[in-house]
Amino acid sequence: MTTAKIPDIGDTFTHHDARYRVSNWLKPQPNPRPSSRRVGPDNVPLVFCVQDEAVYVSGSGVGGCIARIADITIDGRVDWSEETFERSRRSAAYLVGQEIF
């Protein structure tokens, strides 16, 4: 696990000259199947996880990205209502344990 602060849902960052907001947390899949898709900056099978286990984040913006937490700097936060933050956290929690496709 990285020693960088793990960003929260709705935190914003720049990655490869594009702006994103954190939408999910990811980690390497512990026991990948041979057919598991390899993705992300390290080309490894990834699984959605809880914030405390994250090594990567998925970012949403005009497009999407997967970035190592150690490689990003949080530069802001979206201006959402608490209801919207809670809905986004529930969405992230729903995906925990699922392999990224």
PDB file of N, CA and C in Angstrom:
ATOM      1  N   MET A   1       0.849  -1.182   0.000  1.00  0.00           N
ATOM      2  CA  MET A   1       0.000   0.000   0.000  1.00  0.00           C
ATOM      3  C   MET A   1       0.893   1.244   0.000  1.00  0.00           C
ATOM      4  N   THR A   2       0.392   2.282  -0.633  1.00  0.00           N
ATOM      5  CA  THR A   2       1.146   3.517  -0.739  1.00  0.00           C
ATOM      6  C   THR A   2       1.145   4.297   0.579  1.00  0.00           C
ATOM      7  N   THR A   3       2.148   5.136   0.771  1.00  0.00           N
ATOM      8  CA  THR A   3       2.180   5.967   1.970  1.00  0.00           C
ATOM      9  C   THR A   3       1.535   7.331   1.707  1.00  0.00           C
ATOM     10  N   ALA A   4       1.169   7.614   0.451  1.00  0.00           N
ATOM     11  CA  ALA A   4       0.488   8.864   0.134  1.00  0.00           C
ATOM     12  C   ALA A   4      -0.913   8.848   0.743  1.00  0.00           C
ATOM     13  N   LYS A   5      -1.434  10.046   1.045  1.00  0.00           N
ATOM     14  CA  LYS A   5      -2.786  10.155   1.582  1.00  0.00           C
ATOM     15  C   LYS A   5      -3.763   9.627   0.532  1.00  0.00           C
ATOM     16  N   ILE A   6      -4.670   8.786   0.964  1.00  0.00           N
ATOM     17  CA  ILE A   6      -5.642   8.204   0.037  1.00  0.00           C
ATOM     18  C   ILE A   6      -6.769   9.213  -0.179  1.00  0.00           C
ATOM     19  N   PRO A   7      -6.961   9.644  -1.420  1.00  0.00           N
ATOM     20  CA  PRO A   7      -7.982  10.647  -1.695  1.00  0.00           C
ATOM     21  C   PRO A   7      -9.396  10.117  -1.447  1.00  0.00           C
ATOM     22  N   ASP A   8     -10.315  11.049  -1.276  1.00  0.00           N
ATOM     23  CA  ASP A   8     -11.710  10.712  -1.030  1.00  0.00           C
ATOM     24  C   ASP A   8     -12.528  10.908  -2.304  1.00  0.00           C
ATOM     25  N   ILE A   9     -13.691  10.306  -2.340  1.00  0.00           N
ATOM     26  CA  ILE A   9     -14.631  10.515  -3.436  1.00  0.00           C
ATOM     27  C   ILE A   9     -14.864  12.024  -3.575  1.00  0.00           C
ATOM     28  N   GLY A  10     -14.769  12.508  -4.815  1.00  0.00           N
ATOM     29  CA  GLY A  10     -15.015  13.920  -5.074  1.00  0.00           C
ATOM     30  C   GLY A  10     -13.782  14.799  -5.035  1.00  0.00           C
ATOM     31  N   ASP A  11     -12.656  14.276  -4.530  1.00  0.00           N
ATOM     32  CA  ASP A  11     -11.409  15.037  -4.610  1.00  0.00           C
ATOM     33  C   ASP A  11     -11.038  15.184  -6.083  1.00  0.00           C
ATOM     34  N   THR A  12     -10.402  16.285  -6.440  1.00  0.00           N
ATOM     35  CA  THR A  12     -10.018  16.504  -7.834  1.00  0.00           C
ATOM     36  C   THR A  12      -8.501  16.484  -7.982  1.00  0.00           C
ATOM     37  N   PHE A  13      -8.070  16.080  -9.174  1.00  0.00           N
ATOM     38  CA  PHE A  13      -6.645  16.003  -9.472  1.00  0.00           C
ATOM     39  C   PHE A  13      -6.422  16.145 -10.969  1.00  0.00           C
ATOM     40  N   THR A  14      -5.191  16.468 -11.342  1.00  0.00           N
ATOM     41  CA  THR A  14      -4.795  16.534 -12.746  1.00  0.00           C
ATOM     42  C   THR A  14      -3.902  15.338 -13.037  1.00  0.00           C
ATOM     43  N   HIS A  15      -4.159  14.689 -14.166  1.00  0.00           N
ATOM     44  CA  HIS A  15      -3.382  13.518 -14.577  1.00  0.00           C
ATOM     45  C   HIS A  15      -3.202  13.601 -16.080  1.00  0.00           C
ATOM     46  N   HIS A  16      -1.962  13.606 -16.540  1.00  0.00           N
ATOM     47  CA  HIS A  16      -1.644  13.742 -17.973  1.00  0.00           C
ATOM     48  C   HIS A  16      -2.382  14.930 -18.586  1.00  0.00           C
ATOM     49  N   ASP A  17      -2.306  16.065 -17.928  1.00  0.00           N
ATOM     50  CA  ASP A  17      -2.869  17.334 -18.402  1.00  0.00           C
ATOM     51  C   ASP A  17      -4.396  17.360 -18.509  1.00  0.00           C
ATOM     52  N   ALA A  18      -5.074  16.452 -17.841  1.00  0.00           N
ATOM     53  CA  ALA A  18      -6.539  16.465 -17.818  1.00  0.00           C
ATOM     54  C   ALA A  18      -7.023  16.472 -16.371  1.00  0.00           C
ATOM     55  N   ARG A  19      -8.174  17.084 -16.117  1.00  0.00           N
ATOM     56  CA  ARG A  19      -8.740  17.177 -14.762  1.00  0.00           C
ATOM     57  C   ARG A  19      -9.725  16.033 -14.535  1.00  0.00           C
ATOM     58  N   TYR A  20      -9.653  15.469 -13.331  1.00  0.00           N
ATOM     59  CA  TYR A  20     -10.519  14.359 -12.948  1.00  0.00           C
ATOM     60  C   TYR A  20     -11.009  14.545 -11.523  1.00  0.00           C
ATOM     61  N   ARG A  21     -12.054  13.806 -11.187  1.00  0.00           N
ATOM     62  CA  ARG A  21     -12.489  13.692  -9.798  1.00  0.00           C
ATOM     63  C   ARG A  21     -12.424  12.223  -9.425  1.00  0.00           C
ATOM     64  N   VAL A  22     -12.067  11.946  -8.187  1.00  0.00           N
ATOM     65  CA  VAL A  22     -11.979  10.568  -7.711  1.00  0.00           C
ATOM     66  C   VAL A  22     -13.381   9.978  -7.660  1.00  0.00           C
ATOM     67  N   SER A  23     -13.540   8.818  -8.310  1.00  0.00           N
ATOM     68  CA  SER A  23     -14.849   8.166  -8.322  1.00  0.00           C
ATOM     69  C   SER A  23     -14.834   6.796  -7.653  1.00  0.00           C
ATOM     70  N   ASN A  24     -13.671   6.135  -7.597  1.00  0.00           N
ATOM     71  CA  ASN A  24     -13.557   4.808  -6.980  1.00  0.00           C
ATOM     72  C   ASN A  24     -12.124   4.567  -6.539  1.00  0.00           C
ATOM     73  N   TRP A  25     -11.962   3.545  -5.721  1.00  0.00           N
ATOM     74  CA  TRP A  25     -10.645   3.109  -5.259  1.00  0.00           C
ATOM     75  C   TRP A  25     -10.373   1.714  -5.796  1.00  0.00           C
ATOM     76  N   LEU A  26      -9.107   1.436  -6.103  1.00  0.00           N
ATOM     77  CA  LEU A  26      -8.715   0.152  -6.694  1.00  0.00           C
ATOM     78  C   LEU A  26      -7.435  -0.357  -6.048  1.00  0.00           C
ATOM     79  N   LYS A  27      -7.267  -1.679  -6.122  1.00  0.00           N
ATOM     80  CA  LYS A  27      -6.030  -2.318  -5.671  1.00  0.00           C
ATOM     81  C   LYS A  27      -5.747  -3.490  -6.604  1.00  0.00           C
ATOM     82  N   PRO A  28      -4.506  -3.991  -6.604  1.00  0.00           N
ATOM     83  CA  PRO A  28      -4.223  -5.182  -7.405  1.00  0.00           C
ATOM     84  C   PRO A  28      -5.095  -6.345  -6.930  1.00  0.00           C
ATOM     85  N   GLN A  29      -5.573  -7.111  -7.872  1.00  0.00           N
ATOM     86  CA  GLN A  29      -6.414  -8.252  -7.537  1.00  0.00           C
ATOM     87  C   GLN A  29      -5.555  -9.309  -6.850  1.00  0.00           C
ATOM     88  N   PRO A  30      -5.957  -9.776  -5.645  1.00  0.00           N
ATOM     89  CA  PRO A  30      -5.109 -10.695  -4.878  1.00  0.00           C
ATOM     90  C   PRO A  30      -4.829 -12.032  -5.575  1.00  0.00           C
ATOM     91  N   ASN A  31      -5.835 -12.646  -6.163  1.00  0.00           N
ATOM     92  CA  ASN A  31      -5.672 -13.947  -6.830  1.00  0.00           C
ATOM     93  C   ASN A  31      -6.322 -13.897  -8.202  1.00  0.00           C
ATOM     94  N   PRO A  32      -5.685 -13.203  -9.145  1.00  0.00           N
ATOM     95  CA  PRO A  32      -6.334 -13.051 -10.452  1.00  0.00           C
ATOM     96  C   PRO A  32      -6.441 -14.369 -11.210  1.00  0.00           C
ATOM     97  N   ARG A  33      -7.533 -14.480 -11.967  1.00  0.00           N
ATOM     98  CA  ARG A  33      -7.687 -15.617 -12.874  1.00  0.00           C
ATOM     99  C   ARG A  33      -6.765 -15.384 -14.072  1.00  0.00           C
ATOM    100  N   PRO A  34      -6.354 -16.433 -14.753  1.00  0.00           N
ATOM    101  CA  PRO A  34      -5.503 -16.234 -15.937  1.00  0.00           C
ATOM    102  C   PRO A  34      -6.160 -15.323 -16.980  1.00  0.00           C
ATOM    103  N   SER A  35      -7.482 -15.322 -17.017  1.00  0.00           N
ATOM    104  CA  SER A  35      -8.196 -14.512 -18.009  1.00  0.00           C
ATOM    105  C   SER A  35      -8.494 -13.090 -17.521  1.00  0.00           C
ATOM    106  N   SER A  36      -8.039 -12.734 -16.316  1.00  0.00           N
ATOM    107  CA  SER A  36      -8.314 -11.402 -15.783  1.00  0.00           C
ATOM    108  C   SER A  36      -7.693 -10.330 -16.674  1.00  0.00           C
ATOM    109  N   ARG A  37      -8.467  -9.302 -16.920  1.00  0.00           N
ATOM    110  CA  ARG A  37      -7.994  -8.197 -17.747  1.00  0.00           C
ATOM    111  C   ARG A  37      -6.927  -7.406 -16.991  1.00  0.00           C
ATOM    112  N   ARG A  38      -5.877  -7.046 -17.675  1.00  0.00           N
ATOM    113  CA  ARG A  38      -4.792  -6.261 -17.087  1.00  0.00           C
ATOM    114  C   ARG A  38      -4.978  -4.809 -17.504  1.00  0.00           C
ATOM    115  N   VAL A  39      -5.071  -3.927 -16.496  1.00  0.00           N
ATOM    116  CA  VAL A  39      -5.371  -2.528 -16.778  1.00  0.00           C
ATOM    117  C   VAL A  39      -4.528  -1.609 -15.902  1.00  0.00           C
ATOM    118  N   GLY A  40      -4.697  -0.329 -16.117  1.00  0.00           N
ATOM    119  CA  GLY A  40      -4.054   0.664 -15.268  1.00  0.00           C
ATOM    120  C   GLY A  40      -2.611   0.909 -15.642  1.00  0.00           C
ATOM    121  N   PRO A  41      -1.979   1.793 -14.900  1.00  0.00           N
ATOM    122  CA  PRO A  41      -0.611   2.188 -15.228  1.00  0.00           C
ATOM    123  C   PRO A  41       0.413   1.068 -15.059  1.00  0.00           C
ATOM    124  N   ASP A  42       0.080   0.042 -14.277  1.00  0.00           N
ATOM    125  CA  ASP A  42       1.014  -1.061 -14.060  1.00  0.00           C
ATOM    126  C   ASP A  42       0.618  -2.319 -14.818  1.00  0.00           C
ATOM    127  N   ASN A  43      -0.461  -2.221 -15.617  1.00  0.00           N
ATOM    128  CA  ASN A  43      -0.910  -3.339 -16.444  1.00  0.00           C
ATOM    129  C   ASN A  43      -1.106  -4.621 -15.626  1.00  0.00           C
ATOM    130  N   VAL A  44      -1.865  -4.493 -14.536  1.00  0.00           N
ATOM    131  CA  VAL A  44      -2.159  -5.631 -13.662  1.00  0.00           C
ATOM    132  C   VAL A  44      -3.668  -5.762 -13.486  1.00  0.00           C
ATOM    133  N   PRO A  45      -4.162  -6.956 -13.135  1.00  0.00           N
ATOM    134  CA  PRO A  45      -5.582  -7.095 -12.838  1.00  0.00           C
ATOM    135  C   PRO A  45      -5.928  -6.282 -11.580  1.00  0.00           C
ATOM    136  N   LEU A  46      -7.005  -5.513 -11.656  1.00  0.00           N
ATOM    137  CA  LEU A  46      -7.412  -4.665 -10.541  1.00  0.00           C
ATOM    138  C   LEU A  46      -8.807  -5.038 -10.060  1.00  0.00           C
ATOM    139  N   VAL A  47      -9.045  -4.739  -8.799  1.00  0.00           N
ATOM    140  CA  VAL A  47     -10.343  -4.977  -8.187  1.00  0.00           C
ATOM    141  C   VAL A  47     -10.714  -3.708  -7.407  1.00  0.00           C
ATOM    142  N   PHE A  48     -12.003  -3.391  -7.407  1.00  0.00           N
ATOM    143  CA  PHE A  48     -12.472  -2.255  -6.610  1.00  0.00           C
ATOM    144  C   PHE A  48     -12.310  -2.593  -5.134  1.00  0.00           C
ATOM    145  N   CYS A  49     -11.997  -1.586  -4.322  1.00  0.00           N
ATOM    146  CA  CYS A  49     -11.745  -1.826  -2.901  1.00  0.00           C
ATOM    147  C   CYS A  49     -12.223  -0.653  -2.062  1.00  0.00           C
ATOM    148  N   VAL A  50     -12.093  -0.795  -0.759  1.00  0.00           N
ATOM    149  CA  VAL A  50     -12.413   0.304   0.155  1.00  0.00           C
ATOM    150  C   VAL A  50     -11.249   1.289   0.159  1.00  0.00           C
ATOM    151  N   GLN A  51     -11.521   2.483   0.604  1.00  0.00           N
ATOM    152  CA  GLN A  51     -10.536   3.572   0.564  1.00  0.00           C
ATOM    153  C   GLN A  51      -9.219   3.203   1.246  1.00  0.00           C
ATOM    154  N   ASP A  52      -9.277   2.594   2.416  1.00  0.00           N
ATOM    155  CA  ASP A  52      -8.059   2.287   3.176  1.00  0.00           C
ATOM    156  C   ASP A  52      -7.133   1.284   2.495  1.00  0.00           C
ATOM    157  N   GLU A  53      -7.638   0.515   1.534  1.00  0.00           N
ATOM    158  CA  GLU A  53      -6.829  -0.495   0.845  1.00  0.00           C
ATOM    159  C   GLU A  53      -6.297  -0.005  -0.498  1.00  0.00           C
ATOM    160  N   ALA A  54      -6.710   1.174  -0.926  1.00  0.00           N
ATOM    161  CA  ALA A  54      -6.456   1.630  -2.290  1.00  0.00           C
ATOM    162  C   ALA A  54      -4.990   1.900  -2.594  1.00  0.00           C
ATOM    163  N   VAL A  55      -4.596   1.497  -3.792  1.00  0.00           N
ATOM    164  CA  VAL A  55      -3.295   1.800  -4.368  1.00  0.00           C
ATOM    165  C   VAL A  55      -3.488   2.715  -5.586  1.00  0.00           C
ATOM    166  N   TYR A  56      -4.675   2.622  -6.182  1.00  0.00           N
ATOM    167  CA  TYR A  56      -5.042   3.396  -7.368  1.00  0.00           C
ATOM    168  C   TYR A  56      -6.396   4.073  -7.119  1.00  0.00           C
ATOM    169  N   VAL A  57      -6.674   5.096  -7.925  1.00  0.00           N
ATOM    170  CA  VAL A  57      -8.011   5.673  -7.974  1.00  0.00           C
ATOM    171  C   VAL A  57      -8.484   5.647  -9.415  1.00  0.00           C
ATOM    172  N   SER A  58      -9.789   5.576  -9.590  1.00  0.00           N
ATOM    173  CA  SER A  58     -10.338   5.833 -10.914  1.00  0.00           C
ATOM    174  C   SER A  58     -10.814   7.273 -10.908  1.00  0.00           C
ATOM    175  N   GLY A  59     -10.571   7.943 -12.005  1.00  0.00           N
ATOM    176  CA  GLY A  59     -10.957   9.336 -12.131  1.00  0.00           C
ATOM    177  C   GLY A  59     -12.004   9.503 -13.205  1.00  0.00           C
ATOM    178  N   SER A  60     -12.961  10.363 -12.943  1.00  0.00           N
ATOM    179  CA  SER A  60     -13.998  10.690 -13.917  1.00  0.00           C
ATOM    180  C   SER A  60     -13.811  12.137 -14.336  1.00  0.00           C
ATOM    181  N   GLY A  61     -14.083  12.382 -15.588  1.00  0.00           N
ATOM    182  CA  GLY A  61     -13.982  13.735 -16.125  1.00  0.00           C
ATOM    183  C   GLY A  61     -14.556  13.705 -17.520  1.00  0.00           C
ATOM    184  N   VAL A  62     -13.909  14.363 -18.461  1.00  0.00           N
ATOM    185  CA  VAL A  62     -14.349  14.277 -19.848  1.00  0.00           C
ATOM    186  C   VAL A  62     -14.192  12.832 -20.316  1.00  0.00           C
ATOM    187  N   GLY A  63     -13.123  12.193 -19.881  1.00  0.00           N
ATOM    188  CA  GLY A  63     -12.891  10.777 -20.099  1.00  0.00           C
ATOM    189  C   GLY A  63     -12.730  10.135 -18.737  1.00  0.00           C
ATOM    190  N   GLY A  64     -12.004   9.075 -18.674  1.00  0.00           N
ATOM    191  CA  GLY A  64     -11.730   8.430 -17.400  1.00  0.00           C
ATOM    192  C   GLY A  64     -10.275   8.041 -17.316  1.00  0.00           C
ATOM    193  N   CYS A  65      -9.827   7.707 -16.118  1.00  0.00           N
ATOM    194  CA  CYS A  65      -8.441   7.272 -15.963  1.00  0.00           C
ATOM    195  C   CYS A  65      -8.337   6.368 -14.742  1.00  0.00           C
ATOM    196  N   ILE A  66      -7.238   5.642 -14.704  1.00  0.00           N
ATOM    197  CA  ILE A  66      -6.811   4.916 -13.513  1.00  0.00           C
ATOM    198  C   ILE A  66      -5.411   5.423 -13.226  1.00  0.00           C
ATOM    199  N   ALA A  67      -5.198   5.906 -12.010  1.00  0.00           N
ATOM    200  CA  ALA A  67      -3.904   6.486 -11.661  1.00  0.00           C
ATOM    201  C   ALA A  67      -3.430   5.949 -10.318  1.00  0.00           C
ATOM    202  N   ARG A  68      -2.106   5.784 -10.206  1.00  0.00           N
ATOM    203  CA  ARG A  68      -1.516   5.436  -8.910  1.00  0.00           C
ATOM    204  C   ARG A  68      -1.718   6.607  -7.958  1.00  0.00           C
ATOM    205  N   ILE A  69      -2.106   6.328  -6.743  1.00  0.00           N
ATOM    206  CA  ILE A  69      -2.276   7.379  -5.749  1.00  0.00           C
ATOM    207  C   ILE A  69      -0.964   8.127  -5.546  1.00  0.00           C
ATOM    208  N   ALA A  70       0.139   7.411  -5.565  1.00  0.00           N
ATOM    209  CA  ALA A  70       1.441   8.038  -5.357  1.00  0.00           C
ATOM    210  C   ALA A  70       1.806   9.020  -6.468  1.00  0.00           C
ATOM    211  N   ASP A  71       1.123   8.933  -7.617  1.00  0.00           N
ATOM    212  CA  ASP A  71       1.453   9.777  -8.765  1.00  0.00           C
ATOM    213  C   ASP A  71       0.551  10.993  -8.920  1.00  0.00           C
ATOM    214  N   ILE A  72      -0.419  11.168  -8.034  1.00  0.00           N
ATOM    215  CA  ILE A  72      -1.331  12.301  -8.186  1.00  0.00           C
ATOM    216  C   ILE A  72      -1.232  13.240  -6.984  1.00  0.00           C
ATOM    217  N   THR A  73      -1.641  14.459  -7.208  1.00  0.00           N
ATOM    218  CA  THR A  73      -1.740  15.449  -6.146  1.00  0.00           C
ATOM    219  C   THR A  73      -3.162  15.990  -6.160  1.00  0.00           C
ATOM    220  N   ILE A  74      -3.810  15.905  -5.033  1.00  0.00           N
ATOM    221  CA  ILE A  74      -5.166  16.422  -4.922  1.00  0.00           C
ATOM    222  C   ILE A  74      -5.084  17.952  -4.951  1.00  0.00           C
ATOM    223  N   ASP A  75      -5.905  18.554  -5.816  1.00  0.00           N
ATOM    224  CA  ASP A  75      -5.857  20.010  -5.951  1.00  0.00           C
ATOM    225  C   ASP A  75      -7.199  20.682  -5.694  1.00  0.00           C
ATOM    226  N   GLY A  76      -8.160  19.930  -5.208  1.00  0.00           N
ATOM    227  CA  GLY A  76      -9.462  20.534  -4.922  1.00  0.00           C
ATOM    228  C   GLY A  76     -10.496  19.476  -4.605  1.00  0.00           C
ATOM    229  N   ARG A  77     -11.728  19.907  -4.644  1.00  0.00           N
ATOM    230  CA  ARG A  77     -12.859  19.030  -4.324  1.00  0.00           C
ATOM    231  C   ARG A  77     -14.067  19.565  -5.083  1.00  0.00           C
ATOM    232  N   VAL A  78     -14.887  18.660  -5.589  1.00  0.00           N
ATOM    233  CA  VAL A  78     -16.093  19.100  -6.293  1.00  0.00           C
ATOM    234  C   VAL A  78     -17.054  19.764  -5.315  1.00  0.00           C
ATOM    235  N   ASP A  79     -17.870  20.646  -5.816  1.00  0.00           N
ATOM    236  CA  ASP A  79     -18.835  21.378  -5.001  1.00  0.00           C
ATOM    237  C   ASP A  79     -20.192  20.676  -5.100  1.00  0.00           C
ATOM    238  N   TRP A  80     -20.314  19.588  -4.375  1.00  0.00           N
ATOM    239  CA  TRP A  80     -21.534  18.790  -4.389  1.00  0.00           C
ATOM    240  C   TRP A  80     -22.268  18.929  -3.065  1.00  0.00           C
ATOM    241  N   SER A  81     -23.551  18.586  -3.099  1.00  0.00           N
ATOM    242  CA  SER A  81     -24.322  18.498  -1.859  1.00  0.00           C
ATOM    243  C   SER A  81     -23.893  17.229  -1.119  1.00  0.00           C
ATOM    244  N   GLU A  82     -24.138  17.190   0.173  1.00  0.00           N
ATOM    245  CA  GLU A  82     -23.804  15.996   0.944  1.00  0.00           C
ATOM    246  C   GLU A  82     -24.566  14.782   0.412  1.00  0.00           C
ATOM    247  N   GLU A  83     -25.768  14.990  -0.070  1.00  0.00           N
ATOM    248  CA  GLU A  83     -26.568  13.901  -0.648  1.00  0.00           C
ATOM    249  C   GLU A  83     -25.863  13.295  -1.865  1.00  0.00           C
ATOM    250  N   THR A  84     -25.287  14.136  -2.701  1.00  0.00           N
ATOM    251  CA  THR A  84     -24.570  13.649  -3.880  1.00  0.00           C
ATOM    252  C   THR A  84     -23.309  12.898  -3.473  1.00  0.00           C
ATOM    253  N   PHE A  85     -22.581  13.408  -2.470  1.00  0.00           N
ATOM    254  CA  PHE A  85     -21.405  12.685  -1.971  1.00  0.00           C
ATOM    255  C   PHE A  85     -21.810  11.309  -1.450  1.00  0.00           C
ATOM    256  N   GLU A  86     -22.878  11.236  -0.681  1.00  0.00           N
ATOM    257  CA  GLU A  86     -23.327   9.955  -0.124  1.00  0.00           C
ATOM    258  C   GLU A  86     -23.722   8.983  -1.230  1.00  0.00           C
ATOM    259  N   ARG A  87     -24.402   9.459  -2.253  1.00  0.00           N
ATOM    260  CA  ARG A  87     -24.793   8.600  -3.374  1.00  0.00           C
ATOM    261  C   ARG A  87     -23.549   8.055  -4.074  1.00  0.00           C
ATOM    262  N   SER A  88     -22.542   8.899  -4.251  1.00  0.00           N
ATOM    263  CA  SER A  88     -21.296   8.465  -4.895  1.00  0.00           C
ATOM    264  C   SER A  88     -20.536   7.470  -4.022  1.00  0.00           C
ATOM    265  N   ARG A  89     -20.541   7.667  -2.718  1.00  0.00           N
ATOM    266  CA  ARG A  89     -19.886   6.707  -1.811  1.00  0.00           C
ATOM    267  C   ARG A  89     -20.604   5.359  -1.831  1.00  0.00           C
ATOM    268  N   ARG A  90     -21.938   5.387  -1.882  1.00  0.00           N
ATOM    269  CA  ARG A  90     -22.694   4.125  -1.971  1.00  0.00           C
ATOM    270  C   ARG A  90     -22.373   3.396  -3.275  1.00  0.00           C
ATOM    271  N   SER A  91     -22.263   4.154  -4.343  1.00  0.00           N
ATOM    272  CA  SER A  91     -21.917   3.563  -5.639  1.00  0.00           C
ATOM    273  C   SER A  91     -20.541   2.904  -5.586  1.00  0.00           C
ATOM    274  N   ALA A  92     -19.561   3.585  -4.968  1.00  0.00           N
ATOM    275  CA  ALA A  92     -18.217   3.015  -4.821  1.00  0.00           C
ATOM    276  C   ALA A  92     -18.256   1.767  -3.938  1.00  0.00           C
ATOM    277  N   ALA A  93     -19.029   1.799  -2.856  1.00  0.00           N
ATOM    278  CA  ALA A  93     -19.124   0.653  -1.944  1.00  0.00           C
ATOM    279  C   ALA A  93     -19.748  -0.551  -2.636  1.00  0.00           C
ATOM    280  N   TYR A  94     -20.693  -0.311  -3.526  1.00  0.00           N
ATOM    281  CA  TYR A  94     -21.357  -1.390  -4.254  1.00  0.00           C
ATOM    282  C   TYR A  94     -20.360  -2.191  -5.100  1.00  0.00           C
ATOM    283  N   LEU A  95     -19.330  -1.524  -5.612  1.00  0.00           N
ATOM    284  CA  LEU A  95     -18.367  -2.176  -6.501  1.00  0.00           C
ATOM    285  C   LEU A  95     -17.244  -2.923  -5.777  1.00  0.00           C
ATOM    286  N   VAL A  96     -17.095  -2.718  -4.462  1.00  0.00           N
ATOM    287  CA  VAL A  96     -16.000  -3.334  -3.724  1.00  0.00           C
ATOM    288  C   VAL A  96     -15.979  -4.845  -3.952  1.00  0.00           C
ATOM    289  N   GLY A  97     -14.797  -5.339  -4.300  1.00  0.00           N
ATOM    290  CA  GLY A  97     -14.610  -6.765  -4.538  1.00  0.00           C
ATOM    291  C   GLY A  97     -14.805  -7.202  -5.980  1.00  0.00           C
ATOM    292  N   GLN A  98     -15.359  -6.320  -6.800  1.00  0.00           N
ATOM    293  CA  GLN A  98     -15.585  -6.666  -8.201  1.00  0.00           C
ATOM    294  C   GLN A  98     -14.339  -6.359  -9.028  1.00  0.00           C
ATOM    295  N   GLU A  99     -14.057  -7.256  -9.941  1.00  0.00           N
ATOM    296  CA  GLU A  99     -12.920  -7.083 -10.849  1.00  0.00           C
ATOM    297  C   GLU A  99     -13.251  -5.975 -11.838  1.00  0.00           C
ATOM    298  N   ILE A 100     -12.273  -5.139 -12.121  1.00  0.00           N
ATOM    299  CA  ILE A 100     -12.496  -4.101 -13.120  1.00  0.00           C
ATOM    300  C   ILE A 100     -12.548  -4.756 -14.489  1.00  0.00           C
ATOM    301  N   PHE A 101     -13.421  -4.280 -15.324  1.00  0.00           N
ATOM    302  CA  PHE A 101     -13.616  -4.916 -16.637  1.00  0.00           C
ATOM    303  C   PHE A 101     -13.220  -4.000 -17.754  1.00  0.00           C
TER     304      PHE A 101
END
